[in-house]
Amino acid sequence: PDVSVSAIRLLGQDGHTATIGHVCDANGTVPVTGMTIVRDAA
């Protein structure tokens, strides 16, 4: 209701990673600097 998130974390074929994206709320847009994920057994 108060924020939207658009972000992506990538691993290149050469082994380097990149994280890009933004969080947008009523005060403006702030860049994403990092992401981590937790997955289930599948």
PDB file of all heavy atoms in Angstrom:
ATOM      1  N   PRO A   1       0.797  -1.229   0.000  1.00  0.00           N
ATOM      2  CA  PRO A   1       0.000   0.000   0.000  1.00  0.00           C
ATOM      3  C   PRO A   1       0.832   1.282   0.000  1.00  0.00           C
ATOM      4  O   PRO A   1       0.404   2.297  -0.551  1.00  0.00           O
ATOM      5  CB  PRO A   1      -0.827  -0.107   1.282  1.00  0.00           C
ATOM      6  CG  PRO A   1      -0.904  -1.559   1.570  1.00  0.00           C
ATOM      7  CD  PRO A   1       0.396  -2.138   1.089  1.00  0.00           C
ATOM      8  N   ASP A   2       2.022   1.247   0.580  1.00  0.00           N
ATOM      9  CA  ASP A   2       2.823   2.461   0.736  1.00  0.00           C
ATOM     10  C   ASP A   2       4.163   2.443   0.011  1.00  0.00           C
ATOM     11  O   ASP A   2       4.910   3.407   0.062  1.00  0.00           O
ATOM     12  CB  ASP A   2       3.077   2.715   2.219  1.00  0.00           C
ATOM     13  CG  ASP A   2       3.813   1.555   2.894  1.00  0.00           C
ATOM     14  OD1 ASP A   2       3.816   0.429   2.349  1.00  0.00           O
ATOM     15  OD2 ASP A   2       4.382   1.772   3.974  1.00  0.00           O
ATOM     16  N   VAL A   3       4.472   1.361  -0.685  1.00  0.00           N
ATOM     17  CA  VAL A   3       5.786   1.236  -1.317  1.00  0.00           C
ATOM     18  C   VAL A   3       5.728   0.192  -2.434  1.00  0.00           C
ATOM     19  O   VAL A   3       4.934  -0.749  -2.371  1.00  0.00           O
ATOM     20  CB  VAL A   3       6.860   0.853  -0.268  1.00  0.00           C
ATOM     21  CG1 VAL A   3       6.647  -0.542   0.264  1.00  0.00           C
ATOM     22  CG2 VAL A   3       8.259   1.009  -0.800  1.00  0.00           C
ATOM     23  N   SER A   4       6.567   0.396  -3.456  1.00  0.00           N
ATOM     24  CA  SER A   4       6.749  -0.643  -4.467  1.00  0.00           C
ATOM     25  C   SER A   4       8.242  -0.947  -4.569  1.00  0.00           C
ATOM     26  O   SER A   4       9.083  -0.095  -4.293  1.00  0.00           O
ATOM     27  CB  SER A   4       6.182  -0.220  -5.821  1.00  0.00           C
ATOM     28  OG  SER A   4       6.866   0.886  -6.335  1.00  0.00           O
ATOM     29  N   VAL A   5       8.540  -2.177  -4.957  1.00  0.00           N
ATOM     30  CA  VAL A   5       9.921  -2.640  -5.034  1.00  0.00           C
ATOM     31  C   VAL A   5      10.132  -3.285  -6.396  1.00  0.00           C
ATOM     32  O   VAL A   5       9.323  -4.103  -6.835  1.00  0.00           O
ATOM     33  CB  VAL A   5      10.219  -3.693  -3.936  1.00  0.00           C
ATOM     34  CG1 VAL A   5      11.653  -4.177  -4.036  1.00  0.00           C
ATOM     35  CG2 VAL A   5       9.900  -3.160  -2.561  1.00  0.00           C
ATOM     36  N   SER A   6      11.206  -2.920  -7.043  1.00  0.00           N
ATOM     37  CA  SER A   6      11.614  -3.550  -8.283  1.00  0.00           C
ATOM     38  C   SER A   6      13.128  -3.743  -8.192  1.00  0.00           C
ATOM     39  O   SER A   6      13.880  -2.768  -8.183  1.00  0.00           O
ATOM     40  CB  SER A   6      11.263  -2.656  -9.477  1.00  0.00           C
ATOM     41  OG  SER A   6      11.715  -3.251 -10.661  1.00  0.00           O
ATOM     42  N   ALA A   7      13.570  -4.997  -8.067  1.00  0.00           N
ATOM     43  CA  ALA A   7      14.993  -5.267  -7.864  1.00  0.00           C
ATOM     44  C   ALA A   7      15.355  -6.613  -8.463  1.00  0.00           C
ATOM     45  O   ALA A   7      14.517  -7.509  -8.552  1.00  0.00           O
ATOM     46  CB  ALA A   7      15.316  -5.251  -6.370  1.00  0.00           C
ATOM     47  N   ILE A   8      16.625  -6.748  -8.855  1.00  0.00           N
ATOM     48  CA  ILE A   8      17.100  -7.990  -9.441  1.00  0.00           C
ATOM     49  C   ILE A   8      18.555  -8.208  -9.034  1.00  0.00           C
ATOM     50  O   ILE A   8      19.334  -7.263  -8.933  1.00  0.00           O
ATOM     51  CB  ILE A   8      16.943  -7.967 -10.984  1.00  0.00           C
ATOM     52  CG1 ILE A   8      17.224  -9.341 -11.589  1.00  0.00           C
ATOM     53  CG2 ILE A   8      17.787  -6.881 -11.609  1.00  0.00           C
ATOM     54  CD1 ILE A   8      16.780  -9.468 -13.046  1.00  0.00           C
ATOM     55  N   ARG A   9      18.876  -9.463  -8.759  1.00  0.00           N
ATOM     56  CA  ARG A   9      20.252  -9.860  -8.457  1.00  0.00           C
ATOM     57  C   ARG A   9      20.656 -10.910  -9.478  1.00  0.00           C
ATOM     58  O   ARG A   9      19.920 -11.876  -9.716  1.00  0.00           O
ATOM     59  CB  ARG A   9      20.354 -10.433  -7.046  1.00  0.00           C
ATOM     60  CG  ARG A   9      21.791 -10.748  -6.679  1.00  0.00           C
ATOM     61  CD  ARG A   9      21.963 -11.028  -5.221  1.00  0.00           C
ATOM     62  NE  ARG A   9      23.370 -11.267  -4.945  1.00  0.00           N
ATOM     63  CZ  ARG A   9      23.812 -12.041  -3.992  1.00  0.00           C
ATOM     64  NH1 ARG A   9      22.955 -12.631  -3.164  1.00  0.00           N
ATOM     65  NH2 ARG A   9      25.096 -12.216  -3.823  1.00  0.00           N
ATOM     66  N   LEU A  10      21.828 -10.722 -10.087  1.00  0.00           N
ATOM     67  CA  LEU A  10      22.281 -11.574 -11.177  1.00  0.00           C
ATOM     68  C   LEU A  10      23.669 -12.121 -10.913  1.00  0.00           C
ATOM     69  O   LEU A  10      24.493 -11.452 -10.295  1.00  0.00           O
ATOM     70  CB  LEU A  10      22.354 -10.758 -12.477  1.00  0.00           C
ATOM     71  CG  LEU A  10      21.064 -10.109 -12.900  1.00  0.00           C
ATOM     72  CD1 LEU A  10      21.201  -8.619 -12.826  1.00  0.00           C
ATOM     73  CD2 LEU A  10      20.704 -10.560 -14.286  1.00  0.00           C
ATOM     74  N   LEU A  11      23.905 -13.325 -11.415  1.00  0.00           N
ATOM     75  CA  LEU A  11      25.225 -13.945 -11.425  1.00  0.00           C
ATOM     76  C   LEU A  11      25.598 -14.138 -12.883  1.00  0.00           C
ATOM     77  O   LEU A  11      24.907 -14.844 -13.629  1.00  0.00           O
ATOM     78  CB  LEU A  11      25.197 -15.291 -10.700  1.00  0.00           C
ATOM     79  CG  LEU A  11      26.454 -16.149 -10.774  1.00  0.00           C
ATOM     80  CD1 LEU A  11      27.651 -15.442 -10.144  1.00  0.00           C
ATOM     81  CD2 LEU A  11      26.204 -17.499 -10.100  1.00  0.00           C
ATOM     82  N   GLY A  12      26.670 -13.471 -13.311  1.00  0.00           N
ATOM     83  CA  GLY A  12      27.116 -13.579 -14.696  1.00  0.00           C
ATOM     84  C   GLY A  12      27.833 -14.883 -14.957  1.00  0.00           C
ATOM     85  O   GLY A  12      28.306 -15.554 -14.032  1.00  0.00           O
ATOM     86  N   GLN A  13      27.940 -15.247 -16.228  1.00  0.00           N
ATOM     87  CA  GLN A  13      28.654 -16.468 -16.601  1.00  0.00           C
ATOM     88  C   GLN A  13      30.119 -16.408 -16.170  1.00  0.00           C
ATOM     89  O   GLN A  13      30.746 -17.433 -15.949  1.00  0.00           O
ATOM     90  CB  GLN A  13      28.560 -16.718 -18.112  1.00  0.00           C
ATOM     91  CG  GLN A  13      27.177 -17.109 -18.582  1.00  0.00           C
ATOM     92  CD  GLN A  13      26.729 -18.488 -18.109  1.00  0.00           C
ATOM     93  OE1 GLN A  13      27.428 -19.197 -17.398  1.00  0.00           O
ATOM     94  NE2 GLN A  13      25.523 -18.859 -18.492  1.00  0.00           N
ATOM     95  N   ASP A  14      30.650 -15.193 -15.993  1.00  0.00           N
ATOM     96  CA  ASP A  14      32.043 -15.051 -15.567  1.00  0.00           C
ATOM     97  C   ASP A  14      32.197 -15.049 -14.044  1.00  0.00           C
ATOM     98  O   ASP A  14      33.288 -14.885 -13.523  1.00  0.00           O
ATOM     99  CB  ASP A  14      32.660 -13.788 -16.151  1.00  0.00           C
ATOM    100  CG  ASP A  14      32.000 -12.519 -15.632  1.00  0.00           C
ATOM    101  OD1 ASP A  14      31.033 -12.601 -14.839  1.00  0.00           O
ATOM    102  OD2 ASP A  14      32.455 -11.427 -16.028  1.00  0.00           O
ATOM    103  N   GLY A  15      31.087 -15.222 -13.302  1.00  0.00           N
ATOM    104  CA  GLY A  15      31.150 -15.341 -11.848  1.00  0.00           C
ATOM    105  C   GLY A  15      30.897 -14.068 -11.066  1.00  0.00           C
ATOM    106  O   GLY A  15      30.784 -14.112  -9.851  1.00  0.00           O
ATOM    107  N   HIS A  16      30.793 -12.921 -11.719  1.00  0.00           N
ATOM    108  CA  HIS A  16      30.535 -11.702 -10.947  1.00  0.00           C
ATOM    109  C   HIS A  16      29.029 -11.498 -10.756  1.00  0.00           C
ATOM    110  O   HIS A  16      28.220 -11.997 -11.538  1.00  0.00           O
ATOM    111  CB  HIS A  16      31.208 -10.470 -11.569  1.00  0.00           C
ATOM    112  CG  HIS A  16      30.446  -9.835 -12.688  1.00  0.00           C
ATOM    113  ND1 HIS A  16      30.506 -10.289 -13.982  1.00  0.00           N
ATOM    114  CD2 HIS A  16      29.616  -8.768 -12.685  1.00  0.00           C
ATOM    115  CE1 HIS A  16      29.750  -9.535 -14.747  1.00  0.00           C
ATOM    116  NE2 HIS A  16      29.191  -8.605 -13.993  1.00  0.00           N
ATOM    117  N   THR A  17      28.672 -10.802  -9.686  1.00  0.00           N
ATOM    118  CA  THR A  17      27.270 -10.543  -9.386  1.00  0.00           C
ATOM    119  C   THR A  17      26.959  -9.055  -9.530  1.00  0.00           C
ATOM    120  O   THR A  17      27.846  -8.206  -9.437  1.00  0.00           O
ATOM    121  CB  THR A  17      26.895 -10.983  -7.951  1.00  0.00           C
ATOM    122  OG1 THR A  17      27.648 -10.220  -7.018  1.00  0.00           O
ATOM    123  CG2 THR A  17      27.134 -12.464  -7.752  1.00  0.00           C
ATOM    124  N   ALA A  18      25.694  -8.785  -9.770  1.00  0.00           N
ATOM    125  CA  ALA A  18      25.207  -7.407  -9.849  1.00  0.00           C
ATOM    126  C   ALA A  18      23.832  -7.360  -9.211  1.00  0.00           C
ATOM    127  O   ALA A  18      23.043  -8.294  -9.366  1.00  0.00           O
ATOM    128  CB  ALA A  18      25.129  -6.952 -11.299  1.00  0.00           C
ATOM    129  N   THR A  19      23.554  -6.311  -8.461  1.00  0.00           N
ATOM    130  CA  THR A  19      22.232  -6.075  -7.886  1.00  0.00           C
ATOM    131  C   THR A  19      21.798  -4.680  -8.305  1.00  0.00           C
ATOM    132  O   THR A  19      22.536  -3.718  -8.091  1.00  0.00           O
ATOM    133  CB  THR A  19      22.263  -6.164  -6.349  1.00  0.00           C
ATOM    134  OG1 THR A  19      22.753  -7.456  -5.972  1.00  0.00           O
ATOM    135  CG2 THR A  19      20.873  -5.968  -5.761  1.00  0.00           C
ATOM    136  N   ILE A  20      20.635  -4.592  -8.936  1.00  0.00           N
ATOM    137  CA  ILE A  20      20.097  -3.290  -9.315  1.00  0.00           C
ATOM    138  C   ILE A  20      18.628  -3.236  -8.924  1.00  0.00           C
ATOM    139  O   ILE A  20      17.989  -4.270  -8.752  1.00  0.00           O
ATOM    140  CB  ILE A  20      20.251  -3.005 -10.826  1.00  0.00           C
ATOM    141  CG1 ILE A  20      19.494  -4.033 -11.662  1.00  0.00           C
ATOM    142  CG2 ILE A  20      21.703  -2.932 -11.227  1.00  0.00           C
ATOM    143  CD1 ILE A  20      19.381  -3.670 -13.124  1.00  0.00           C
ATOM    144  N   GLY A  21      18.119  -2.052  -8.774  1.00  0.00           N
ATOM    145  CA  GLY A  21      16.706  -1.888  -8.486  1.00  0.00           C
ATOM    146  C   GLY A  21      16.449  -0.657  -7.658  1.00  0.00           C
ATOM    147  O   GLY A  21      17.379   0.075  -7.283  1.00  0.00           O
ATOM    148  N   HIS A  22      15.181  -0.435  -7.374  1.00  0.00           N
ATOM    149  CA  HIS A  22      14.752   0.731  -6.621  1.00  0.00           C
ATOM    150  C   HIS A  22      13.558   0.388  -5.737  1.00  0.00           C
ATOM    151  O   HIS A  22      12.782  -0.512  -6.051  1.00  0.00           O
ATOM    152  CB  HIS A  22      14.361   1.869  -7.559  1.00  0.00           C
ATOM    153  CG  HIS A  22      15.533   2.498  -8.225  1.00  0.00           C
ATOM    154  ND1 HIS A  22      16.120   1.963  -9.341  1.00  0.00           N
ATOM    155  CD2 HIS A  22      16.240   3.607  -7.915  1.00  0.00           C
ATOM    156  CE1 HIS A  22      17.135   2.721  -9.704  1.00  0.00           C
ATOM    157  NE2 HIS A  22      17.237   3.720  -8.858  1.00  0.00           N
ATOM    158  N   VAL A  23      13.443   1.120  -4.652  1.00  0.00           N
ATOM    159  CA  VAL A  23      12.268   1.094  -3.785  1.00  0.00           C
ATOM    160  C   VAL A  23      11.628   2.470  -3.927  1.00  0.00           C
ATOM    161  O   VAL A  23      12.303   3.495  -3.816  1.00  0.00           O
ATOM    162  CB  VAL A  23      12.657   0.814  -2.317  1.00  0.00           C
ATOM    163  CG1 VAL A  23      11.438   0.885  -1.417  1.00  0.00           C
ATOM    164  CG2 VAL A  23      13.336  -0.546  -2.203  1.00  0.00           C
ATOM    165  N   CYS A  24      10.343   2.496  -4.194  1.00  0.00           N
ATOM    166  CA  CYS A  24       9.627   3.750  -4.437  1.00  0.00           C
ATOM    167  C   CYS A  24       8.542   3.917  -3.373  1.00  0.00           C
ATOM    168  O   CYS A  24       7.753   2.999  -3.132  1.00  0.00           O
ATOM    169  CB  CYS A  24       9.009   3.701  -5.828  1.00  0.00           C
ATOM    170  SG  CYS A  24       8.071   5.154  -6.301  1.00  0.00           S
ATOM    171  N   ASP A  25       8.533   5.083  -2.722  1.00  0.00           N
ATOM    172  CA  ASP A  25       7.457   5.402  -1.785  1.00  0.00           C
ATOM    173  C   ASP A  25       7.068   6.862  -1.976  1.00  0.00           C
ATOM    174  O   ASP A  25       7.531   7.524  -2.911  1.00  0.00           O
ATOM    175  CB  ASP A  25       7.840   5.082  -0.341  1.00  0.00           C
ATOM    176  CG  ASP A  25       8.985   5.908   0.195  1.00  0.00           C
ATOM    177  OD1 ASP A  25       9.300   6.978  -0.373  1.00  0.00           O
ATOM    178  OD2 ASP A  25       9.572   5.493   1.206  1.00  0.00           O
ATOM    179  N   ALA A  26       6.218   7.398  -1.109  1.00  0.00           N
ATOM    180  CA  ALA A  26       5.725   8.764  -1.252  1.00  0.00           C
ATOM    181  C   ALA A  26       6.844   9.802  -1.186  1.00  0.00           C
ATOM    182  O   ALA A  26       6.678  10.928  -1.671  1.00  0.00           O
ATOM    183  CB  ALA A  26       4.670   9.052  -0.185  1.00  0.00           C
ATOM    184  N   ASN A  27       7.996   9.440  -0.611  1.00  0.00           N
ATOM    185  CA  ASN A  27       9.117  10.372  -0.506  1.00  0.00           C
ATOM    186  C   ASN A  27      10.062  10.329  -1.701  1.00  0.00           C
ATOM    187  O   ASN A  27      10.996  11.116  -1.780  1.00  0.00           O
ATOM    188  CB  ASN A  27       9.916  10.090   0.771  1.00  0.00           C
ATOM    189  CG  ASN A  27       9.076  10.315   2.002  1.00  0.00           C
ATOM    190  OD1 ASN A  27       8.354  11.301   2.093  1.00  0.00           O
ATOM    191  ND2 ASN A  27       9.146   9.387   2.934  1.00  0.00           N
ATOM    192  N   GLY A  28       9.873   9.375  -2.590  1.00  0.00           N
ATOM    193  CA  GLY A  28      10.739   9.280  -3.761  1.00  0.00           C
ATOM    194  C   GLY A  28      11.256   7.874  -3.982  1.00  0.00           C
ATOM    195  O   GLY A  28      10.702   6.898  -3.481  1.00  0.00           O
ATOM    196  N   THR A  29      12.354   7.792  -4.728  1.00  0.00           N
ATOM    197  CA  THR A  29      12.932   6.520  -5.138  1.00  0.00           C
ATOM    198  C   THR A  29      14.333   6.370  -4.558  1.00  0.00           C
ATOM    199  O   THR A  29      15.135   7.290  -4.630  1.00  0.00           O
ATOM    200  CB  THR A  29      12.997   6.451  -6.676  1.00  0.00           C
ATOM    201  OG1 THR A  29      11.671   6.631  -7.184  1.00  0.00           O
ATOM    202  CG2 THR A  29      13.524   5.125  -7.154  1.00  0.00           C
ATOM    203  N   VAL A  30      14.602   5.194  -3.977  1.00  0.00           N
ATOM    204  CA  VAL A  30      15.896   4.912  -3.358  1.00  0.00           C
ATOM    205  C   VAL A  30      16.484   3.658  -4.015  1.00  0.00           C
ATOM    206  O   VAL A  30      15.802   2.646  -4.143  1.00  0.00           O
ATOM    207  CB  VAL A  30      15.730   4.678  -1.829  1.00  0.00           C
ATOM    208  CG1 VAL A  30      17.047   4.277  -1.200  1.00  0.00           C
ATOM    209  CG2 VAL A  30      15.148   5.902  -1.162  1.00  0.00           C
ATOM    210  N   PRO A  31      17.757   3.693  -4.421  1.00  0.00           N
ATOM    211  CA  PRO A  31      18.382   2.514  -5.037  1.00  0.00           C
ATOM    212  C   PRO A  31      18.515   1.340  -4.060  1.00  0.00           C
ATOM    213  O   PRO A  31      18.742   1.526  -2.864  1.00  0.00           O
ATOM    214  CB  PRO A  31      19.771   3.012  -5.438  1.00  0.00           C
ATOM    215  CG  PRO A  31      19.673   4.498  -5.481  1.00  0.00           C
ATOM    216  CD  PRO A  31      18.641   4.864  -4.450  1.00  0.00           C
ATOM    217  N   VAL A  32      18.396   0.151  -4.604  1.00  0.00           N
ATOM    218  CA  VAL A  32      18.656  -1.087  -3.864  1.00  0.00           C
ATOM    219  C   VAL A  32      20.152  -1.345  -3.921  1.00  0.00           C
ATOM    220  O   VAL A  32      20.770  -1.228  -4.984  1.00  0.00           O
ATOM    221  CB  VAL A  32      17.870  -2.261  -4.482  1.00  0.00           C
ATOM    222  CG1 VAL A  32      18.309  -3.592  -3.894  1.00  0.00           C
ATOM    223  CG2 VAL A  32      16.371  -2.059  -4.286  1.00  0.00           C
ATOM    224  N   THR A  33      20.751  -1.689  -2.780  1.00  0.00           N
ATOM    225  CA  THR A  33      22.196  -1.943  -2.734  1.00  0.00           C
ATOM    226  C   THR A  33      22.542  -3.417  -2.533  1.00  0.00           C
ATOM    227  O   THR A  33      23.698  -3.798  -2.688  1.00  0.00           O
ATOM    228  CB  THR A  33      22.850  -1.125  -1.610  1.00  0.00           C
ATOM    229  OG1 THR A  33      22.239  -1.476  -0.366  1.00  0.00           O
ATOM    230  CG2 THR A  33      22.684   0.368  -1.866  1.00  0.00           C
ATOM    231  N   GLY A  34      21.562  -4.246  -2.170  1.00  0.00           N
ATOM    232  CA  GLY A  34      21.828  -5.662  -1.967  1.00  0.00           C
ATOM    233  C   GLY A  34      20.547  -6.441  -1.760  1.00  0.00           C
ATOM    234  O   GLY A  34      19.520  -5.875  -1.383  1.00  0.00           O
ATOM    235  N   MET A  35      20.611  -7.754  -2.026  1.00  0.00           N
ATOM    236  CA  MET A  35      19.468  -8.646  -1.841  1.00  0.00           C
ATOM    237  C   MET A  35      19.988 -10.014  -1.405  1.00  0.00           C
ATOM    238  O   MET A  35      21.055 -10.434  -1.838  1.00  0.00           O
ATOM    239  CB  MET A  35      18.701  -8.865  -3.150  1.00  0.00           C
ATOM    240  CG  MET A  35      18.047  -7.670  -3.740  1.00  0.00           C
ATOM    241  SD  MET A  35      17.280  -8.052  -5.351  1.00  0.00           S
ATOM    242  CE  MET A  35      15.887  -9.061  -4.865  1.00  0.00           C
ATOM    243  N   THR A  36      19.195 -10.681  -0.581  1.00  0.00           N
ATOM    244  CA  THR A  36      19.426 -12.089  -0.268  1.00  0.00           C
ATOM    245  C   THR A  36      18.088 -12.804  -0.363  1.00  0.00           C
ATOM    246  O   THR A  36      17.036 -12.191  -0.220  1.00  0.00           O
ATOM    247  CB  THR A  36      20.017 -12.286   1.143  1.00  0.00           C
ATOM    248  OG1 THR A  36      19.106 -11.734   2.101  1.00  0.00           O
ATOM    249  CG2 THR A  36      21.378 -11.618   1.266  1.00  0.00           C
ATOM    250  N   ILE A  37      18.123 -14.104  -0.588  1.00  0.00           N
ATOM    251  CA  ILE A  37      16.897 -14.879  -0.742  1.00  0.00           C
ATOM    252  C   ILE A  37      16.986 -16.151   0.090  1.00  0.00           C
ATOM    253  O   ILE A  37      18.063 -16.737   0.234  1.00  0.00           O
ATOM    254  CB  ILE A  37      16.631 -15.218  -2.226  1.00  0.00           C
ATOM    255  CG1 ILE A  37      15.237 -15.827  -2.415  1.00  0.00           C
ATOM    256  CG2 ILE A  37      17.721 -16.091  -2.800  1.00  0.00           C
ATOM    257  CD1 ILE A  37      14.803 -15.937  -3.874  1.00  0.00           C
ATOM    258  N   VAL A  38      15.858 -16.570   0.633  1.00  0.00           N
ATOM    259  CA  VAL A  38      15.711 -17.863   1.309  1.00  0.00           C
ATOM    260  C   VAL A  38      14.685 -18.645   0.501  1.00  0.00           C
ATOM    261  O   VAL A  38      13.620 -18.133   0.162  1.00  0.00           O
ATOM    262  CB  VAL A  38      15.234 -17.695   2.772  1.00  0.00           C
ATOM    263  CG1 VAL A  38      14.971 -19.049   3.411  1.00  0.00           C
ATOM    264  CG2 VAL A  38      16.253 -16.890   3.573  1.00  0.00           C
ATOM    265  N   ARG A  39      15.025 -19.892   0.170  1.00  0.00           N
ATOM    266  CA  ARG A  39      14.156 -20.745  -0.637  1.00  0.00           C
ATOM    267  C   ARG A  39      13.729 -21.964   0.164  1.00  0.00           C
ATOM    268  O   ARG A  39      14.396 -22.355   1.115  1.00  0.00           O
ATOM    269  CB  ARG A  39      14.895 -21.198  -1.891  1.00  0.00           C
ATOM    270  CG  ARG A  39      15.303 -20.068  -2.820  1.00  0.00           C
ATOM    271  CD  ARG A  39      16.086 -20.628  -4.011  1.00  0.00           C
ATOM    272  NE  ARG A  39      16.417 -19.606  -4.971  1.00  0.00           N
ATOM    273  CZ  ARG A  39      17.596 -19.017  -5.060  1.00  0.00           C
ATOM    274  NH1 ARG A  39      18.573 -19.335  -4.229  1.00  0.00           N
ATOM    275  NH2 ARG A  39      17.809 -18.095  -5.973  1.00  0.00           N
ATOM    276  N   ASP A  40      12.636 -22.597  -0.263  1.00  0.00           N
ATOM    277  CA  ASP A  40      12.200 -23.843   0.364  1.00  0.00           C
ATOM    278  C   ASP A  40      12.943 -25.015  -0.280  1.00  0.00           C
ATOM    279  O   ASP A  40      13.815 -24.822  -1.130  1.00  0.00           O
ATOM    280  CB  ASP A  40      10.677 -23.998   0.297  1.00  0.00           C
ATOM    281  CG  ASP A  40      10.137 -24.173  -1.115  1.00  0.00           C
ATOM    282  OD1 ASP A  40      10.925 -24.424  -2.062  1.00  0.00           O
ATOM    283  OD2 ASP A  40       8.912 -24.069  -1.279  1.00  0.00           O
ATOM    284  N   ALA A  41      12.582 -26.234   0.116  1.00  0.00           N
ATOM    285  CA  ALA A  41      13.292 -27.425  -0.364  1.00  0.00           C
ATOM    286  C   ALA A  41      13.147 -27.632  -1.870  1.00  0.00           C
ATOM    287  O   ALA A  41      13.968 -28.315  -2.484  1.00  0.00           O
ATOM    288  CB  ALA A  41      12.796 -28.660   0.387  1.00  0.00           C
ATOM    289  N   ALA A  42      12.134 -27.026  -2.495  1.00  0.00           N
ATOM    290  CA  ALA A  42      11.950 -27.131  -3.938  1.00  0.00           C
ATOM    291  C   ALA A  42      12.626 -25.974  -4.682  1.00  0.00           C
ATOM    292  O   ALA A  42      12.557 -25.899  -5.903  1.00  0.00           O
ATOM    293  CB  ALA A  42      10.460 -27.156  -4.277  1.00  0.00           C
TER     294      ALA A  42
END
